[in-house]
Amino acid sequence: MTIQKARKIPVEIEYIQYTGENKEEIYNWSDGKVHQAYDDNFHTIFGVDTLNGFLHVNINDYIVKDVENVFYPIKPNIFNKTFRM
């Protein structure tokens, strides 16, 4: 098989950057898909229910809602390389 290249189709997404102070805003925007949970040691964490399971969100991470209405976190350095505001 020959290696081929393709370019992503430009699409507009919605996003919110997590500040640590905007959990309720993000929870409401995501219809509860981004929420607080507990880790294995019963510490409170904030994260996203994704197709690949629950992913932890750190302060300054971006939470993206894609064209399929799926939410996922993205680190700031990757977000800035991938999206234009």
Foldseek 3Di string as FASTA:
>chain_A
DDDDDDDDDDDDKDKDAAAVPCQVVVCVVLVNQWHWDADPVGDIFTFGQFPVGTDTDDHRWMWIQDPVRTIHTDHPVVCVVPDDD
